[in-house]
């Protein structure tokens, strides 16, 4: 995952939107304090805030679509490590609060969920 673009919201407090690319897709993420530069490689999972409506999905297609003009996304991905709340989608590694993932969902299953924002910490 690589920082493709930075849009500063407030340079003084280092608050920014970052466009992150996986090579296959891109996501807009929030960062504060932002210490990234264009071209930086992100190795840590991206943090999904307020994940809701987490359901099993028979549709084994990866996608992450913005559903408003801010931060909200609907995501379809594969659980790679349920215990640690890790989900893969289009080359991105996302982290969800593992307590929000229903107990009947296991590693390898596809899930769909909505997040209010994706952060880089």
N, C-alpha and C. Protein backbone atom coordinates (compact mmCIF):
# COMPACT_ATOMS: atom_id res chain seq x y z
N UNK A 1 0.85 -1.16 0.00
CA UNK A 1 0.00 0.00 0.00
C UNK A 1 0.90 1.23 0.00
N UNK A 2 0.59 2.18 -0.87
CA UNK A 2 1.45 3.34 -1.05
C UNK A 2 0.63 4.62 -1.06
N UNK A 3 1.19 5.67 -0.46
CA UNK A 3 0.54 6.98 -0.46
C UNK A 3 0.66 7.57 -1.86
N UNK A 4 -0.48 7.80 -2.48
CA UNK A 4 -0.52 8.31 -3.85
C UNK A 4 -0.75 9.82 -3.89
N UNK A 5 -1.53 10.33 -2.93
CA UNK A 5 -1.89 11.75 -2.93
C UNK A 5 -2.22 12.17 -1.50
N UNK A 6 -1.93 13.43 -1.18
CA UNK A 6 -2.27 13.99 0.13
C UNK A 6 -3.05 15.27 -0.09
N UNK A 7 -4.19 15.38 0.59
CA UNK A 7 -4.99 16.60 0.60
C UNK A 7 -5.07 17.09 2.04
N UNK A 8 -4.37 18.17 2.31
CA UNK A 8 -4.31 18.69 3.67
C UNK A 8 -5.62 19.36 4.06
N UNK A 9 -6.14 18.97 5.22
CA UNK A 9 -7.30 19.64 5.80
C UNK A 9 -6.83 20.78 6.70
N UNK A 10 -5.75 20.52 7.44
CA UNK A 10 -5.16 21.52 8.33
C UNK A 10 -3.70 21.15 8.55
N UNK A 11 -2.81 21.88 7.89
CA UNK A 11 -1.38 21.57 7.99
C UNK A 11 -0.84 21.81 9.40
N UNK A 12 -1.40 22.80 10.11
CA UNK A 12 -0.90 23.11 11.45
C UNK A 12 -1.09 21.94 12.42
N UNK A 13 -2.24 21.26 12.34
CA UNK A 13 -2.48 20.11 13.22
C UNK A 13 -2.18 18.78 12.52
N UNK A 14 -1.68 18.86 11.29
CA UNK A 14 -1.28 17.70 10.50
C UNK A 14 -2.45 16.75 10.24
N UNK A 15 -3.57 17.32 9.81
CA UNK A 15 -4.79 16.57 9.52
C UNK A 15 -4.96 16.52 8.00
N UNK A 16 -5.11 15.28 7.46
CA UNK A 16 -5.14 15.15 6.00
C UNK A 16 -5.96 13.94 5.56
N UNK A 17 -6.43 14.03 4.30
CA UNK A 17 -6.95 12.89 3.55
C UNK A 17 -5.77 12.33 2.77
N UNK A 18 -5.64 11.02 2.74
CA UNK A 18 -4.59 10.39 1.95
C UNK A 18 -5.22 9.40 0.99
N UNK A 19 -4.82 9.48 -0.25
CA UNK A 19 -5.24 8.48 -1.24
C UNK A 19 -4.19 7.39 -1.22
N UNK A 20 -4.62 6.19 -0.83
CA UNK A 20 -3.73 5.05 -0.70
C UNK A 20 -4.00 4.09 -1.86
N UNK A 21 -2.94 3.65 -2.51
CA UNK A 21 -3.07 2.73 -3.64
C UNK A 21 -2.51 1.36 -3.28
N UNK A 22 -3.22 0.33 -3.74
CA UNK A 22 -2.72 -1.04 -3.57
C UNK A 22 -2.14 -1.57 -4.87
N UNK A 23 -2.21 -0.78 -5.91
CA UNK A 23 -1.83 -1.25 -7.23
C UNK A 23 -3.05 -1.70 -8.02
N UNK A 24 -4.03 -2.27 -7.31
CA UNK A 24 -5.27 -2.73 -7.94
C UNK A 24 -6.42 -1.74 -7.73
N UNK A 25 -6.34 -0.93 -6.67
CA UNK A 25 -7.43 -0.04 -6.30
C UNK A 25 -6.86 1.09 -5.45
N UNK A 26 -7.72 2.05 -5.09
CA UNK A 26 -7.29 3.11 -4.18
C UNK A 26 -8.42 3.42 -3.21
N UNK A 27 -8.03 3.90 -2.02
CA UNK A 27 -8.95 4.29 -0.97
C UNK A 27 -8.55 5.66 -0.44
N UNK A 28 -9.53 6.44 -0.02
CA UNK A 28 -9.26 7.69 0.67
C UNK A 28 -9.32 7.42 2.16
N UNK A 29 -8.27 7.79 2.87
CA UNK A 29 -8.16 7.55 4.30
C UNK A 29 -7.91 8.87 5.02
N UNK A 30 -8.22 8.88 6.30
CA UNK A 30 -7.99 10.03 7.15
C UNK A 30 -6.74 9.77 7.99
N UNK A 31 -5.97 10.83 8.23
CA UNK A 31 -4.79 10.68 9.07
C UNK A 31 -4.58 11.95 9.90
N UNK A 32 -4.38 11.75 11.21
CA UNK A 32 -4.08 12.86 12.10
C UNK A 32 -3.42 12.29 13.36
N UNK A 33 -2.22 12.62 13.67
CA UNK A 33 -1.36 13.52 12.90
C UNK A 33 -0.75 12.77 11.70
N UNK A 34 -0.71 13.45 10.59
CA UNK A 34 -0.20 12.86 9.36
C UNK A 34 1.29 13.16 9.23
N UNK A 35 2.07 12.11 9.14
CA UNK A 35 3.51 12.26 8.95
C UNK A 35 3.95 11.60 7.64
N UNK A 36 2.98 11.30 6.79
CA UNK A 36 3.27 10.61 5.53
C UNK A 36 3.64 11.60 4.43
N UNK A 37 4.33 11.08 3.45
CA UNK A 37 4.66 11.81 2.23
C UNK A 37 4.20 10.98 1.04
N UNK A 38 3.95 11.64 -0.08
CA UNK A 38 3.61 10.92 -1.31
C UNK A 38 4.74 9.94 -1.61
N UNK A 39 4.37 8.71 -1.91
CA UNK A 39 5.34 7.66 -2.21
C UNK A 39 5.65 6.76 -1.04
N UNK A 40 5.29 7.18 0.18
CA UNK A 40 5.54 6.34 1.36
C UNK A 40 4.78 5.03 1.26
N UNK A 41 5.37 3.97 1.79
CA UNK A 41 4.75 2.66 1.84
C UNK A 41 4.08 2.50 3.20
N UNK A 42 2.83 2.07 3.20
CA UNK A 42 2.07 1.80 4.43
C UNK A 42 2.11 0.30 4.67
N UNK A 43 2.66 -0.12 5.80
CA UNK A 43 2.79 -1.54 6.09
C UNK A 43 1.76 -2.02 7.11
N UNK A 44 1.27 -1.12 7.94
CA UNK A 44 0.29 -1.49 8.96
C UNK A 44 -1.11 -1.56 8.33
N UNK A 45 -2.00 -2.39 8.88
CA UNK A 45 -3.38 -2.42 8.37
C UNK A 45 -4.05 -1.05 8.50
N UNK A 46 -4.93 -0.76 7.59
CA UNK A 46 -5.74 0.45 7.66
C UNK A 46 -6.87 0.20 8.66
N UNK A 47 -7.17 1.19 9.46
CA UNK A 47 -8.13 1.03 10.56
C UNK A 47 -9.54 1.43 10.10
N UNK A 48 -10.49 0.50 10.24
CA UNK A 48 -11.89 0.76 9.90
C UNK A 48 -12.64 1.23 11.14
N UNK A 49 -13.15 2.43 11.11
CA UNK A 49 -13.88 2.97 12.25
C UNK A 49 -15.37 2.70 12.11
N UNK A 50 -15.98 2.36 13.24
CA UNK A 50 -17.43 2.19 13.32
C UNK A 50 -17.97 1.20 12.29
N UNK A 51 -17.29 0.06 12.14
CA UNK A 51 -17.78 -0.98 11.21
C UNK A 51 -19.15 -1.46 11.69
N UNK A 52 -20.09 -1.54 10.75
CA UNK A 52 -21.44 -1.98 11.09
C UNK A 52 -22.00 -2.82 9.96
N UNK A 53 -23.11 -3.48 10.25
CA UNK A 53 -23.79 -4.33 9.26
C UNK A 53 -22.84 -5.37 8.68
N UNK A 54 -22.04 -5.99 9.52
CA UNK A 54 -21.09 -7.01 9.08
C UNK A 54 -21.86 -8.31 8.85
N UNK A 55 -21.87 -8.74 7.58
CA UNK A 55 -22.61 -9.94 7.22
C UNK A 55 -21.75 -10.85 6.35
N UNK A 56 -22.05 -12.16 6.41
CA UNK A 56 -21.42 -13.10 5.49
C UNK A 56 -21.92 -12.78 4.09
N UNK A 57 -21.06 -13.04 3.12
CA UNK A 57 -21.39 -12.68 1.75
C UNK A 57 -21.04 -13.83 0.81
N UNK A 58 -22.02 -14.28 0.03
CA UNK A 58 -21.77 -15.33 -0.95
C UNK A 58 -21.09 -14.78 -2.20
N UNK A 59 -21.12 -13.46 -2.35
CA UNK A 59 -20.50 -12.80 -3.49
C UNK A 59 -18.99 -12.69 -3.23
N UNK A 60 -18.19 -13.50 -3.88
CA UNK A 60 -16.74 -13.52 -3.66
C UNK A 60 -16.03 -12.53 -4.57
N UNK A 61 -16.50 -11.32 -4.54
CA UNK A 61 -15.92 -10.23 -5.32
C UNK A 61 -15.40 -9.18 -4.34
N UNK A 62 -14.16 -8.74 -4.55
CA UNK A 62 -13.58 -7.70 -3.70
C UNK A 62 -14.03 -6.33 -4.20
N UNK A 63 -14.48 -5.47 -3.29
CA UNK A 63 -14.70 -4.07 -3.65
C UNK A 63 -14.73 -3.20 -2.41
N UNK A 64 -14.43 -1.93 -2.64
CA UNK A 64 -14.55 -0.89 -1.61
C UNK A 64 -15.10 0.33 -2.33
N UNK A 65 -16.36 0.68 -2.05
CA UNK A 65 -17.02 1.80 -2.73
C UNK A 65 -17.39 2.88 -1.74
N UNK A 66 -17.02 4.10 -2.07
CA UNK A 66 -17.45 5.22 -1.24
C UNK A 66 -18.95 5.39 -1.41
N UNK A 67 -19.63 5.63 -0.30
CA UNK A 67 -21.08 5.78 -0.39
C UNK A 67 -21.54 7.18 0.00
N UNK A 68 -20.59 8.06 0.18
CA UNK A 68 -20.91 9.48 0.27
C UNK A 68 -19.65 10.24 -0.13
N UNK A 69 -19.70 11.54 -0.06
CA UNK A 69 -18.56 12.33 -0.52
C UNK A 69 -17.52 12.57 0.56
N UNK A 70 -17.65 11.91 1.68
CA UNK A 70 -16.70 12.08 2.78
C UNK A 70 -15.84 10.83 2.92
N UNK A 71 -16.11 10.05 3.96
CA UNK A 71 -15.26 8.93 4.32
C UNK A 71 -15.93 7.57 4.25
N UNK A 72 -17.24 7.51 4.18
CA UNK A 72 -17.98 6.26 4.34
C UNK A 72 -17.79 5.33 3.15
N UNK A 73 -17.58 4.04 3.47
CA UNK A 73 -17.39 3.01 2.45
C UNK A 73 -18.26 1.80 2.74
N UNK A 74 -18.69 1.12 1.68
CA UNK A 74 -19.21 -0.23 1.79
C UNK A 74 -18.10 -1.12 1.22
N UNK A 75 -17.79 -2.17 1.97
CA UNK A 75 -16.63 -3.00 1.64
C UNK A 75 -17.03 -4.47 1.57
N UNK A 76 -16.51 -5.14 0.56
CA UNK A 76 -16.68 -6.58 0.41
C UNK A 76 -15.27 -7.17 0.38
N UNK A 77 -14.95 -8.02 1.37
CA UNK A 77 -13.61 -8.56 1.44
C UNK A 77 -13.58 -9.93 2.08
N UNK A 78 -12.37 -10.49 2.17
CA UNK A 78 -12.16 -11.82 2.70
C UNK A 78 -11.48 -11.72 4.07
N UNK A 79 -12.03 -12.41 5.04
CA UNK A 79 -11.44 -12.45 6.38
C UNK A 79 -10.16 -13.27 6.31
N UNK A 80 -9.04 -12.66 6.67
CA UNK A 80 -7.76 -13.38 6.66
C UNK A 80 -7.34 -13.80 8.06
N UNK A 81 -7.83 -13.08 9.07
CA UNK A 81 -7.52 -13.45 10.45
C UNK A 81 -8.61 -12.88 11.35
N UNK A 82 -9.63 -13.69 11.59
CA UNK A 82 -10.78 -13.24 12.37
C UNK A 82 -10.38 -12.83 13.77
N UNK A 83 -9.50 -13.62 14.39
CA UNK A 83 -9.08 -13.36 15.76
C UNK A 83 -8.46 -11.97 15.92
N UNK A 84 -7.75 -11.51 14.89
CA UNK A 84 -7.12 -10.19 14.92
C UNK A 84 -7.91 -9.14 14.14
N UNK A 85 -9.07 -9.51 13.58
CA UNK A 85 -9.93 -8.57 12.87
C UNK A 85 -9.38 -8.10 11.54
N UNK A 86 -8.64 -8.96 10.83
CA UNK A 86 -8.01 -8.56 9.57
C UNK A 86 -8.79 -9.04 8.36
N UNK A 87 -9.02 -8.11 7.43
CA UNK A 87 -9.78 -8.37 6.21
C UNK A 87 -8.97 -7.85 5.03
N UNK A 88 -8.96 -8.64 3.96
CA UNK A 88 -8.27 -8.25 2.74
C UNK A 88 -9.29 -7.83 1.69
N UNK A 89 -8.98 -6.73 1.00
CA UNK A 89 -9.81 -6.31 -0.13
C UNK A 89 -8.92 -5.59 -1.15
N UNK A 90 -8.85 -6.12 -2.34
CA UNK A 90 -8.11 -5.51 -3.45
C UNK A 90 -6.69 -5.09 -3.10
N UNK A 91 -5.99 -5.93 -2.35
CA UNK A 91 -4.60 -5.62 -2.00
C UNK A 91 -4.44 -4.78 -0.75
N UNK A 92 -5.54 -4.39 -0.13
CA UNK A 92 -5.49 -3.64 1.13
C UNK A 92 -5.70 -4.60 2.29
N UNK A 93 -5.01 -4.34 3.39
CA UNK A 93 -5.24 -5.06 4.62
C UNK A 93 -5.93 -4.11 5.58
N UNK A 94 -7.15 -4.46 5.98
CA UNK A 94 -7.97 -3.62 6.85
C UNK A 94 -8.13 -4.27 8.21
N UNK A 95 -8.22 -3.44 9.23
CA UNK A 95 -8.47 -3.94 10.57
C UNK A 95 -9.84 -3.48 11.05
N UNK A 96 -10.64 -4.45 11.52
CA UNK A 96 -11.93 -4.17 12.16
C UNK A 96 -11.81 -4.55 13.63
N UNK A 97 -12.61 -3.94 14.46
CA UNK A 97 -12.70 -4.38 15.85
C UNK A 97 -13.21 -5.81 15.81
N UNK A 98 -12.35 -6.75 16.22
CA UNK A 98 -12.69 -8.18 16.11
C UNK A 98 -13.94 -8.55 16.90
N UNK A 99 -14.28 -7.78 17.93
CA UNK A 99 -15.50 -8.06 18.70
C UNK A 99 -16.77 -7.75 17.92
N UNK A 100 -16.65 -6.97 16.85
CA UNK A 100 -17.82 -6.64 16.02
C UNK A 100 -18.12 -7.71 14.98
N UNK A 101 -17.14 -8.57 14.70
CA UNK A 101 -17.32 -9.62 13.70
C UNK A 101 -18.15 -10.74 14.31
N UNK A 102 -19.28 -11.09 13.70
CA UNK A 102 -20.11 -12.17 14.25
C UNK A 102 -19.31 -13.45 14.44
N UNK A 103 -19.62 -14.16 15.49
CA UNK A 103 -18.86 -15.36 15.89
C UNK A 103 -18.92 -16.50 14.87
N UNK A 104 -19.97 -16.52 14.01
CA UNK A 104 -20.08 -17.60 13.03
C UNK A 104 -19.26 -17.34 11.76
N UNK A 105 -18.57 -16.21 11.70
CA UNK A 105 -17.71 -15.90 10.56
C UNK A 105 -16.30 -16.38 10.89
N UNK A 106 -15.70 -17.11 9.95
CA UNK A 106 -14.37 -17.68 10.16
C UNK A 106 -13.40 -17.22 9.06
N UNK A 107 -12.13 -17.50 9.28
CA UNK A 107 -11.09 -17.15 8.30
C UNK A 107 -11.45 -17.73 6.93
N UNK A 108 -11.22 -16.94 5.90
CA UNK A 108 -11.48 -17.36 4.53
C UNK A 108 -12.85 -16.97 4.01
N UNK A 109 -13.77 -16.64 4.90
CA UNK A 109 -15.12 -16.24 4.47
C UNK A 109 -15.10 -14.81 3.93
N UNK A 110 -16.02 -14.55 3.00
CA UNK A 110 -16.22 -13.20 2.51
C UNK A 110 -17.27 -12.52 3.37
N UNK A 111 -17.02 -11.25 3.66
CA UNK A 111 -17.98 -10.45 4.42
C UNK A 111 -18.20 -9.12 3.72
N UNK A 112 -19.32 -8.52 4.05
CA UNK A 112 -19.63 -7.17 3.58
C UNK A 112 -19.94 -6.33 4.81
N UNK A 113 -19.49 -5.09 4.81
CA UNK A 113 -19.74 -4.20 5.95
C UNK A 113 -19.63 -2.75 5.50
N UNK A 114 -20.07 -1.87 6.38
CA UNK A 114 -20.01 -0.43 6.14
C UNK A 114 -19.10 0.17 7.21
N UNK A 115 -18.23 1.09 6.80
CA UNK A 115 -17.39 1.81 7.75
C UNK A 115 -17.63 3.30 7.60
N UNK A 116 -17.58 4.00 8.72
CA UNK A 116 -17.78 5.45 8.67
C UNK A 116 -16.53 6.18 8.19
N UNK A 117 -15.36 5.51 8.37
CA UNK A 117 -14.11 6.13 7.97
C UNK A 117 -13.01 5.07 8.01
N UNK A 118 -12.00 5.26 7.16
CA UNK A 118 -10.81 4.42 7.18
C UNK A 118 -9.65 5.33 7.56
N UNK A 119 -8.91 4.92 8.59
CA UNK A 119 -7.83 5.74 9.12
C UNK A 119 -6.47 5.09 8.92
N UNK A 120 -5.45 5.94 8.89
CA UNK A 120 -4.07 5.50 8.95
C UNK A 120 -3.56 5.99 10.30
N UNK A 121 -3.12 5.04 11.14
CA UNK A 121 -2.62 5.40 12.46
C UNK A 121 -1.13 5.32 12.51
